[in-house]
Amino acid sequence: MDAGLRVGEEVAPHAAVSGFFAVHVRSNCPHVNDGVVSASHDTLDNEAERWVASACETCGTREEPWLCCQCHSVRCGRHADGHAIAHFTSTGHPITLSFLDLSCWCYECDSYIEHANLRPLLDAVYKARFGRDHPHAAIASVQSANPDVQGKKRGTMSLFYELHMG
């Protein structure tokens, strides 16, 4: 019996497919506008270094840390002691960012999410973890500053390769 998808079939978020889970990243989360506190890039960069070095504010574990995108507290995820979800339950702050894989989760939508409002926060955490700008940030900066690159129809990786490799 074939449990795989067939052409034209859609997968519901979190649906099992042949023993794996299909992850649907939601790009229209209605909670982002209220659930993400914005700040200047300099402030985010300075704070992100502190966040990334932090342990769970409830139990002190460094296992599976998540950042609340509203109040910027650090809590452990559901595969550790679950203090991030407890924080959501007690505060109503729905959006979190994982320091492990830089994914964002909305507890209200029960889904991974992506949104332009999350980009400054993601960029700051990426820089704090890896000591350099996120590759998309370098590409965006070159695209906006270089008229030869603006408007060219290229994928991000081909543009990244052209700028850095040749």
N, C-alpha and C. Protein backbone atom coordinates (compact mmCIF):
# COMPACT_ATOMS: atom_id res chain seq x y z
N MET A 1 0.84 -1.18 0.00
CA MET A 1 0.00 0.00 0.00
C MET A 1 0.89 1.25 0.00
N ASP A 2 0.66 2.16 -0.92
CA ASP A 2 1.46 3.37 -1.05
C ASP A 2 0.82 4.48 -0.24
N ALA A 3 1.56 5.00 0.75
CA ALA A 3 1.03 6.08 1.60
C ALA A 3 1.53 7.44 1.15
N GLY A 4 2.26 7.51 0.04
CA GLY A 4 2.81 8.77 -0.45
C GLY A 4 1.77 9.64 -1.12
N LEU A 5 2.18 10.86 -1.43
CA LEU A 5 1.29 11.79 -2.12
C LEU A 5 1.28 11.53 -3.61
N ARG A 6 0.18 11.89 -4.21
CA ARG A 6 0.06 11.81 -5.65
C ARG A 6 0.02 13.23 -6.20
N VAL A 7 0.36 13.40 -7.43
CA VAL A 7 0.38 14.72 -8.05
C VAL A 7 -0.97 15.39 -7.86
N GLY A 8 -0.94 16.64 -7.42
CA GLY A 8 -2.16 17.42 -7.25
C GLY A 8 -2.76 17.31 -5.86
N GLU A 9 -2.32 16.37 -5.02
CA GLU A 9 -2.85 16.25 -3.68
C GLU A 9 -2.19 17.29 -2.78
N GLU A 10 -2.95 17.82 -1.84
CA GLU A 10 -2.41 18.77 -0.89
C GLU A 10 -2.20 18.08 0.45
N VAL A 11 -1.27 18.60 1.22
CA VAL A 11 -0.96 18.05 2.53
C VAL A 11 -1.43 19.04 3.58
N ALA A 12 -2.20 18.57 4.52
CA ALA A 12 -2.61 19.41 5.64
C ALA A 12 -1.39 19.68 6.52
N PRO A 13 -1.35 20.83 7.21
CA PRO A 13 -0.22 21.07 8.10
C PRO A 13 -0.05 19.91 9.07
N HIS A 14 1.19 19.50 9.29
CA HIS A 14 1.56 18.45 10.23
C HIS A 14 1.06 17.07 9.83
N ALA A 15 0.62 16.87 8.59
CA ALA A 15 0.10 15.57 8.17
C ALA A 15 1.23 14.58 7.94
N ALA A 16 1.04 13.35 8.35
CA ALA A 16 2.05 12.32 8.16
C ALA A 16 2.02 11.85 6.71
N VAL A 17 3.19 11.76 6.10
CA VAL A 17 3.33 11.28 4.73
C VAL A 17 4.43 10.23 4.74
N SER A 18 4.09 9.00 4.49
CA SER A 18 5.06 7.92 4.44
C SER A 18 5.98 7.91 5.66
N GLY A 19 5.43 8.09 6.84
CA GLY A 19 6.23 8.04 8.04
C GLY A 19 6.92 9.34 8.40
N PHE A 20 6.81 10.35 7.57
CA PHE A 20 7.40 11.65 7.84
C PHE A 20 6.29 12.66 8.05
N PHE A 21 6.66 13.84 8.50
CA PHE A 21 5.68 14.90 8.65
C PHE A 21 5.97 16.00 7.64
N ALA A 22 4.94 16.45 6.97
CA ALA A 22 5.08 17.59 6.08
C ALA A 22 4.90 18.85 6.92
N VAL A 23 5.82 19.76 6.81
CA VAL A 23 5.74 21.00 7.58
C VAL A 23 5.23 22.09 6.67
N HIS A 24 4.15 22.69 7.06
CA HIS A 24 3.57 23.80 6.32
C HIS A 24 3.94 25.08 7.06
N VAL A 25 4.70 25.95 6.42
CA VAL A 25 5.08 27.22 7.03
C VAL A 25 4.07 28.25 6.60
N ARG A 26 3.43 28.82 7.56
CA ARG A 26 2.35 29.78 7.30
C ARG A 26 2.93 31.18 7.10
N SER A 27 2.55 31.84 6.03
CA SER A 27 3.07 33.18 5.75
C SER A 27 2.04 34.27 6.05
N ASN A 28 0.87 33.88 6.51
CA ASN A 28 -0.17 34.88 6.77
C ASN A 28 -0.68 34.82 8.22
N CYS A 29 0.22 34.60 9.15
CA CYS A 29 -0.15 34.54 10.57
C CYS A 29 -0.70 35.91 11.00
N PRO A 30 -1.94 35.93 11.50
CA PRO A 30 -2.54 37.21 11.91
C PRO A 30 -2.01 37.72 13.25
N HIS A 31 -1.19 36.93 13.94
CA HIS A 31 -0.71 37.31 15.27
C HIS A 31 0.63 38.03 15.24
N VAL A 32 1.27 38.08 14.09
CA VAL A 32 2.61 38.67 14.00
C VAL A 32 2.59 40.16 14.34
N ASN A 33 1.59 40.88 13.86
CA ASN A 33 1.58 42.33 14.08
C ASN A 33 1.51 42.69 15.56
N ASP A 34 0.81 41.91 16.36
CA ASP A 34 0.71 42.19 17.80
C ASP A 34 1.71 41.39 18.62
N GLY A 35 2.21 40.28 18.06
CA GLY A 35 3.04 39.36 18.82
C GLY A 35 4.53 39.54 18.67
N VAL A 36 4.97 40.57 17.93
CA VAL A 36 6.39 40.80 17.72
C VAL A 36 6.71 42.24 18.06
N VAL A 37 7.60 42.43 19.00
CA VAL A 37 8.02 43.78 19.38
C VAL A 37 9.19 44.18 18.51
N SER A 38 9.07 45.33 17.86
CA SER A 38 10.16 45.78 16.99
C SER A 38 11.10 46.69 17.78
N ALA A 39 12.33 46.73 17.30
CA ALA A 39 13.36 47.57 17.91
C ALA A 39 14.37 47.91 16.82
N SER A 40 15.27 48.82 17.10
CA SER A 40 16.28 49.18 16.12
C SER A 40 17.24 48.01 15.91
N HIS A 41 17.91 47.98 14.76
CA HIS A 41 18.86 46.92 14.46
C HIS A 41 19.98 46.87 15.50
N ASP A 42 20.48 48.06 15.93
CA ASP A 42 21.56 48.09 16.92
C ASP A 42 21.10 47.48 18.25
N THR A 43 19.90 47.84 18.66
CA THR A 43 19.36 47.29 19.91
C THR A 43 19.20 45.78 19.79
N LEU A 44 18.63 45.32 18.67
CA LEU A 44 18.45 43.88 18.47
C LEU A 44 19.78 43.15 18.45
N ASP A 45 20.77 43.70 17.76
CA ASP A 45 22.09 43.05 17.71
C ASP A 45 22.68 42.90 19.10
N ASN A 46 22.62 43.97 19.91
CA ASN A 46 23.17 43.92 21.28
C ASN A 46 22.40 42.94 22.15
N GLU A 47 21.08 42.99 22.07
CA GLU A 47 20.25 42.10 22.88
C GLU A 47 20.38 40.65 22.45
N ALA A 48 20.49 40.40 21.16
CA ALA A 48 20.55 39.02 20.65
C ALA A 48 21.75 38.27 21.21
N GLU A 49 22.85 38.94 21.38
CA GLU A 49 24.02 38.27 21.97
C GLU A 49 23.72 37.78 23.38
N ARG A 50 23.00 38.59 24.13
CA ARG A 50 22.61 38.20 25.49
C ARG A 50 21.59 37.06 25.45
N TRP A 51 20.60 37.17 24.55
CA TRP A 51 19.57 36.13 24.45
C TRP A 51 20.17 34.77 24.12
N VAL A 52 21.04 34.75 23.11
CA VAL A 52 21.61 33.49 22.64
C VAL A 52 22.45 32.82 23.73
N ALA A 53 23.04 33.61 24.61
CA ALA A 53 23.85 33.06 25.70
C ALA A 53 23.00 32.66 26.91
N SER A 54 21.70 32.97 26.86
CA SER A 54 20.83 32.73 28.01
C SER A 54 20.33 31.29 28.10
N ALA A 55 20.01 30.91 29.32
CA ALA A 55 19.33 29.64 29.58
C ALA A 55 17.85 29.93 29.82
N CYS A 56 17.05 28.90 29.92
CA CYS A 56 15.63 29.05 30.22
C CYS A 56 15.48 29.84 31.52
N GLU A 57 14.67 30.89 31.49
CA GLU A 57 14.48 31.74 32.67
C GLU A 57 13.71 31.04 33.78
N THR A 58 13.06 29.93 33.46
CA THR A 58 12.29 29.20 34.47
C THR A 58 13.11 28.11 35.15
N CYS A 59 13.81 27.28 34.36
CA CYS A 59 14.50 26.12 34.94
C CYS A 59 16.02 26.13 34.76
N GLY A 60 16.54 27.03 33.93
CA GLY A 60 17.97 27.14 33.76
C GLY A 60 18.60 26.21 32.72
N THR A 61 17.79 25.38 32.06
CA THR A 61 18.36 24.50 31.04
C THR A 61 18.74 25.30 29.79
N ARG A 62 19.75 24.82 29.10
CA ARG A 62 20.14 25.41 27.82
C ARG A 62 19.66 24.54 26.67
N GLU A 63 18.88 23.53 27.01
CA GLU A 63 18.36 22.60 26.02
C GLU A 63 17.14 23.21 25.33
N GLU A 64 17.17 23.26 24.02
CA GLU A 64 16.06 23.72 23.17
C GLU A 64 15.52 25.10 23.57
N PRO A 65 16.35 26.14 23.51
CA PRO A 65 15.90 27.48 23.90
C PRO A 65 15.04 28.16 22.82
N TRP A 66 13.99 28.83 23.28
CA TRP A 66 13.10 29.60 22.42
C TRP A 66 13.00 31.01 22.99
N LEU A 67 12.93 32.00 22.09
CA LEU A 67 12.79 33.40 22.48
C LEU A 67 11.35 33.85 22.26
N CYS A 68 10.74 34.44 23.27
CA CYS A 68 9.42 35.05 23.09
C CYS A 68 9.63 36.32 22.27
N CYS A 69 8.95 36.42 21.16
CA CYS A 69 9.15 37.57 20.26
C CYS A 69 8.44 38.82 20.76
N GLN A 70 7.69 38.71 21.83
CA GLN A 70 7.00 39.87 22.37
C GLN A 70 7.74 40.48 23.55
N CYS A 71 8.11 39.68 24.54
CA CYS A 71 8.78 40.24 25.72
C CYS A 71 10.26 39.87 25.78
N HIS A 72 10.71 39.05 24.82
CA HIS A 72 12.10 38.64 24.67
C HIS A 72 12.64 37.81 25.84
N SER A 73 11.76 37.08 26.50
CA SER A 73 12.24 36.14 27.52
C SER A 73 12.65 34.85 26.83
N VAL A 74 13.56 34.12 27.43
CA VAL A 74 14.05 32.86 26.88
C VAL A 74 13.48 31.72 27.72
N ARG A 75 12.85 30.76 27.06
CA ARG A 75 12.26 29.59 27.73
C ARG A 75 12.59 28.34 26.94
N CYS A 76 12.56 27.20 27.61
CA CYS A 76 12.86 25.93 26.93
C CYS A 76 11.62 25.40 26.22
N GLY A 77 11.86 24.65 25.15
CA GLY A 77 10.78 24.13 24.32
C GLY A 77 10.14 22.88 24.89
N ARG A 78 9.15 22.39 24.16
CA ARG A 78 8.35 21.24 24.61
C ARG A 78 9.15 19.94 24.69
N HIS A 79 10.29 19.86 24.01
CA HIS A 79 11.11 18.65 24.09
C HIS A 79 12.10 18.71 25.26
N ALA A 80 12.12 19.83 25.94
CA ALA A 80 12.89 19.95 27.18
C ALA A 80 11.84 19.92 28.31
N ASP A 81 11.65 21.04 28.99
CA ASP A 81 10.66 21.07 30.08
C ASP A 81 9.39 21.84 29.72
N GLY A 82 9.30 22.37 28.50
CA GLY A 82 8.06 22.99 28.03
C GLY A 82 7.73 24.35 28.61
N HIS A 83 8.73 25.09 29.04
CA HIS A 83 8.43 26.38 29.65
C HIS A 83 8.05 27.46 28.64
N ALA A 84 8.39 27.28 27.36
CA ALA A 84 7.97 28.25 26.34
C ALA A 84 6.45 28.22 26.17
N ILE A 85 5.89 27.03 26.12
CA ILE A 85 4.43 26.94 25.98
C ILE A 85 3.73 27.38 27.27
N ALA A 86 4.34 27.12 28.41
CA ALA A 86 3.78 27.60 29.68
C ALA A 86 3.78 29.13 29.70
N HIS A 87 4.84 29.72 29.16
CA HIS A 87 4.93 31.19 29.06
C HIS A 87 3.79 31.71 28.19
N PHE A 88 3.55 31.07 27.04
CA PHE A 88 2.43 31.47 26.17
C PHE A 88 1.11 31.36 26.92
N THR A 89 0.91 30.25 27.61
CA THR A 89 -0.35 30.02 28.33
C THR A 89 -0.60 31.09 29.38
N SER A 90 0.45 31.51 30.08
CA SER A 90 0.27 32.50 31.15
C SER A 90 0.26 33.95 30.66
N THR A 91 0.92 34.23 29.52
CA THR A 91 1.02 35.62 29.07
C THR A 91 0.20 35.92 27.82
N GLY A 92 -0.09 34.89 27.01
CA GLY A 92 -0.77 35.12 25.74
C GLY A 92 0.18 35.57 24.64
N HIS A 93 1.48 35.52 24.86
CA HIS A 93 2.47 35.89 23.84
C HIS A 93 2.62 34.70 22.89
N PRO A 94 2.12 34.81 21.65
CA PRO A 94 2.01 33.62 20.80
C PRO A 94 3.24 33.27 19.95
N ILE A 95 4.13 34.22 19.67
CA ILE A 95 5.20 34.00 18.68
C ILE A 95 6.52 33.72 19.38
N THR A 96 7.20 32.64 18.98
CA THR A 96 8.50 32.29 19.53
C THR A 96 9.49 31.98 18.42
N LEU A 97 10.76 32.12 18.74
CA LEU A 97 11.84 31.87 17.78
C LEU A 97 12.82 30.87 18.39
N SER A 98 13.10 29.80 17.67
CA SER A 98 14.02 28.78 18.14
C SER A 98 15.46 29.19 17.87
N PHE A 99 16.32 29.08 18.88
CA PHE A 99 17.74 29.36 18.68
C PHE A 99 18.43 28.20 17.97
N LEU A 100 17.83 27.02 17.98
CA LEU A 100 18.47 25.86 17.36
C LEU A 100 18.40 25.91 15.84
N ASP A 101 17.21 26.13 15.29
CA ASP A 101 17.08 26.11 13.83
C ASP A 101 16.55 27.42 13.25
N LEU A 102 16.41 28.44 14.10
CA LEU A 102 15.94 29.76 13.68
C LEU A 102 14.56 29.73 13.03
N SER A 103 13.74 28.79 13.47
CA SER A 103 12.36 28.75 13.00
C SER A 103 11.50 29.57 13.96
N CYS A 104 10.37 30.03 13.46
CA CYS A 104 9.43 30.77 14.28
C CYS A 104 8.13 29.97 14.37
N TRP A 105 7.51 29.99 15.53
CA TRP A 105 6.30 29.24 15.79
C TRP A 105 5.26 30.16 16.38
N CYS A 106 4.02 29.99 15.94
CA CYS A 106 2.90 30.71 16.54
C CYS A 106 2.03 29.69 17.27
N TYR A 107 1.90 29.87 18.58
CA TYR A 107 1.08 28.95 19.37
C TYR A 107 -0.40 29.10 19.03
N GLU A 108 -0.83 30.30 18.68
CA GLU A 108 -2.24 30.52 18.32
C GLU A 108 -2.58 29.79 17.02
N CYS A 109 -1.70 29.88 16.03
CA CYS A 109 -1.93 29.22 14.73
C CYS A 109 -1.54 27.74 14.77
N ASP A 110 -0.77 27.35 15.79
CA ASP A 110 -0.23 26.00 15.91
C ASP A 110 0.54 25.65 14.64
N SER A 111 1.44 26.57 14.26
CA SER A 111 2.15 26.42 12.99
C SER A 111 3.47 27.17 13.01
N TYR A 112 4.43 26.65 12.20
CA TYR A 112 5.62 27.43 11.90
C TYR A 112 5.17 28.60 11.04
N ILE A 113 5.84 29.73 11.20
CA ILE A 113 5.44 30.92 10.45
C ILE A 113 6.67 31.62 9.87
N GLU A 114 6.42 32.42 8.85
CA GLU A 114 7.42 33.34 8.32
C GLU A 114 6.69 34.63 7.99
N HIS A 115 7.39 35.72 8.20
CA HIS A 115 6.78 37.03 7.97
C HIS A 115 7.89 38.07 7.95
N ALA A 116 7.74 39.08 7.13
CA ALA A 116 8.75 40.14 7.02
C ALA A 116 9.02 40.82 8.37
N ASN A 117 8.01 40.91 9.24
CA ASN A 117 8.19 41.55 10.55
C ASN A 117 9.13 40.75 11.45
N LEU A 118 9.34 39.47 11.15
CA LEU A 118 10.24 38.64 11.94
C LEU A 118 11.69 38.75 11.48
N ARG A 119 11.91 39.27 10.28
CA ARG A 119 13.24 39.27 9.67
C ARG A 119 14.29 39.99 10.52
N PRO A 120 14.04 41.20 11.06
CA PRO A 120 15.09 41.85 11.87
C PRO A 120 15.49 41.02 13.10
N LEU A 121 14.52 40.39 13.73
CA LEU A 121 14.81 39.55 14.88
C LEU A 121 15.61 38.32 14.47
N LEU A 122 15.20 37.67 13.38
CA LEU A 122 15.93 36.51 12.87
C LEU A 122 17.36 36.89 12.48
N ASP A 123 17.52 38.04 11.83
CA ASP A 123 18.85 38.48 11.42
C ASP A 123 19.76 38.71 12.63
N ALA A 124 19.21 39.33 13.67
CA ALA A 124 20.01 39.61 14.87
C ALA A 124 20.42 38.31 15.57
N VAL A 125 19.51 37.36 15.68
CA VAL A 125 19.83 36.08 16.32
C VAL A 125 20.84 35.30 15.48
N TYR A 126 20.67 35.32 14.16
CA TYR A 126 21.62 34.64 13.27
C TYR A 126 23.03 35.21 13.48
N LYS A 127 23.12 36.54 13.50
CA LYS A 127 24.42 37.20 13.68
C LYS A 127 25.03 36.86 15.04
N ALA A 128 24.20 36.81 16.08
CA ALA A 128 24.70 36.48 17.41
C ALA A 128 25.18 35.02 17.48
N ARG A 129 24.51 34.13 16.78
CA ARG A 129 24.89 32.71 16.81
C ARG A 129 26.10 32.41 15.96
N PHE A 130 26.18 33.03 14.77
CA PHE A 130 27.21 32.65 13.81
C PHE A 130 28.28 33.71 13.56
N GLY A 131 28.14 34.89 14.19
CA GLY A 131 29.17 35.92 14.08
C GLY A 131 29.25 36.62 12.74
N ARG A 132 28.21 36.52 11.95
CA ARG A 132 28.17 37.19 10.64
C ARG A 132 26.73 37.45 10.25
N ASP A 133 26.56 38.33 9.28
CA ASP A 133 25.21 38.63 8.80
C ASP A 133 24.61 37.41 8.12
N HIS A 134 23.31 37.31 8.21
CA HIS A 134 22.59 36.26 7.50
C HIS A 134 22.84 36.45 6.00
N PRO A 135 23.05 35.38 5.23
CA PRO A 135 23.33 35.53 3.79
C PRO A 135 22.28 36.35 3.05
N HIS A 136 21.01 36.23 3.41
CA HIS A 136 19.98 37.01 2.70
C HIS A 136 20.18 38.50 2.96
N ALA A 137 20.69 38.88 4.14
CA ALA A 137 20.90 40.30 4.45
C ALA A 137 21.98 40.89 3.57
N ALA A 138 23.05 40.14 3.33
CA ALA A 138 24.12 40.61 2.45
C ALA A 138 23.60 40.76 1.02
N ILE A 139 22.80 39.83 0.58
CA ILE A 139 22.24 39.89 -0.78
C ILE A 139 21.31 41.08 -0.92
N ALA A 140 20.43 41.29 0.07
CA ALA A 140 19.50 42.41 0.02
C ALA A 140 20.25 43.73 0.00
N SER A 141 21.32 43.81 0.79
CA SER A 141 22.10 45.03 0.84
C SER A 141 22.77 45.31 -0.50
N VAL A 142 23.32 44.29 -1.14
CA VAL A 142 23.95 44.46 -2.45
C VAL A 142 22.90 44.80 -3.50
N GLN A 143 21.75 44.15 -3.43
CA GLN A 143 20.70 44.43 -4.40
C GLN A 143 20.24 45.87 -4.33
N SER A 144 20.11 46.42 -3.13
CA SER A 144 19.63 47.78 -3.01
C SER A 144 20.71 48.80 -3.36
N ALA A 145 21.98 48.46 -3.18
CA ALA A 145 23.07 49.41 -3.42
C ALA A 145 23.67 49.30 -4.81
N ASN A 146 23.41 48.24 -5.53
CA ASN A 146 24.06 48.00 -6.81
C ASN A 146 23.05 47.99 -7.95
N PRO A 147 23.04 49.04 -8.77
CA PRO A 147 22.07 49.11 -9.86
C PRO A 147 22.23 47.97 -10.88
N ASP A 148 23.43 47.38 -10.98
CA ASP A 148 23.63 46.28 -11.92
C ASP A 148 22.90 45.02 -11.48
N VAL A 149 22.61 44.91 -10.18
CA VAL A 149 21.98 43.71 -9.64
C VAL A 149 20.47 43.91 -9.50
N GLN A 150 20.04 45.16 -9.30
CA GLN A 150 18.62 45.43 -9.09
C GLN A 150 17.79 44.94 -10.26
N GLY A 151 16.68 44.34 -9.94
CA GLY A 151 15.73 43.94 -10.96
C GLY A 151 16.07 42.67 -11.71
N LYS A 152 17.23 42.09 -11.45
CA LYS A 152 17.58 40.85 -12.15
C LYS A 152 16.78 39.71 -11.57
N LYS A 153 16.25 38.89 -12.44
CA LYS A 153 15.44 37.74 -12.01
C LYS A 153 16.36 36.58 -11.73
N ARG A 154 16.77 36.42 -10.47
CA ARG A 154 17.64 35.32 -10.07
C ARG A 154 17.17 34.78 -8.74
N GLY A 155 17.48 33.54 -8.53
CA GLY A 155 17.26 32.95 -7.22
C GLY A 155 18.30 33.48 -6.26
N THR A 156 18.00 33.43 -4.98
CA THR A 156 18.91 33.93 -3.96
C THR A 156 20.26 33.24 -4.03
N MET A 157 20.28 31.93 -4.20
CA MET A 157 21.56 31.22 -4.19
C MET A 157 22.40 31.57 -5.41
N SER A 158 21.80 31.75 -6.59
CA SER A 158 22.61 32.10 -7.75
C SER A 158 23.18 33.51 -7.60
N LEU A 159 22.41 34.42 -7.01
CA LEU A 159 22.91 35.76 -6.76
C LEU A 159 24.01 35.73 -5.71
N PHE A 160 23.82 34.94 -4.65
CA PHE A 160 24.84 34.79 -3.61
C PHE A 160 26.13 34.26 -4.24
N TYR A 161 26.03 33.27 -5.09
CA TYR A 161 27.20 32.69 -5.74
C TYR A 161 27.89 33.73 -6.60
N GLU A 162 27.12 34.49 -7.38
CA GLU A 162 27.70 35.51 -8.26
C GLU A 162 28.44 36.57 -7.45
N LEU A 163 27.87 36.98 -6.32
CA LEU A 163 28.48 38.04 -5.52
C LEU A 163 29.72 37.59 -4.77
N HIS A 164 29.72 36.33 -4.31
CA HIS A 164 30.80 35.87 -3.45
C HIS A 164 31.78 34.91 -4.12
N MET A 165 31.41 34.33 -5.21
CA MET A 165 32.28 33.32 -5.82
C MET A 165 32.77 33.70 -7.21
N GLY A 166 32.17 34.67 -7.78
CA GLY A 166 32.69 34.89 -9.10
C GLY A 166 32.09 35.99 -9.83
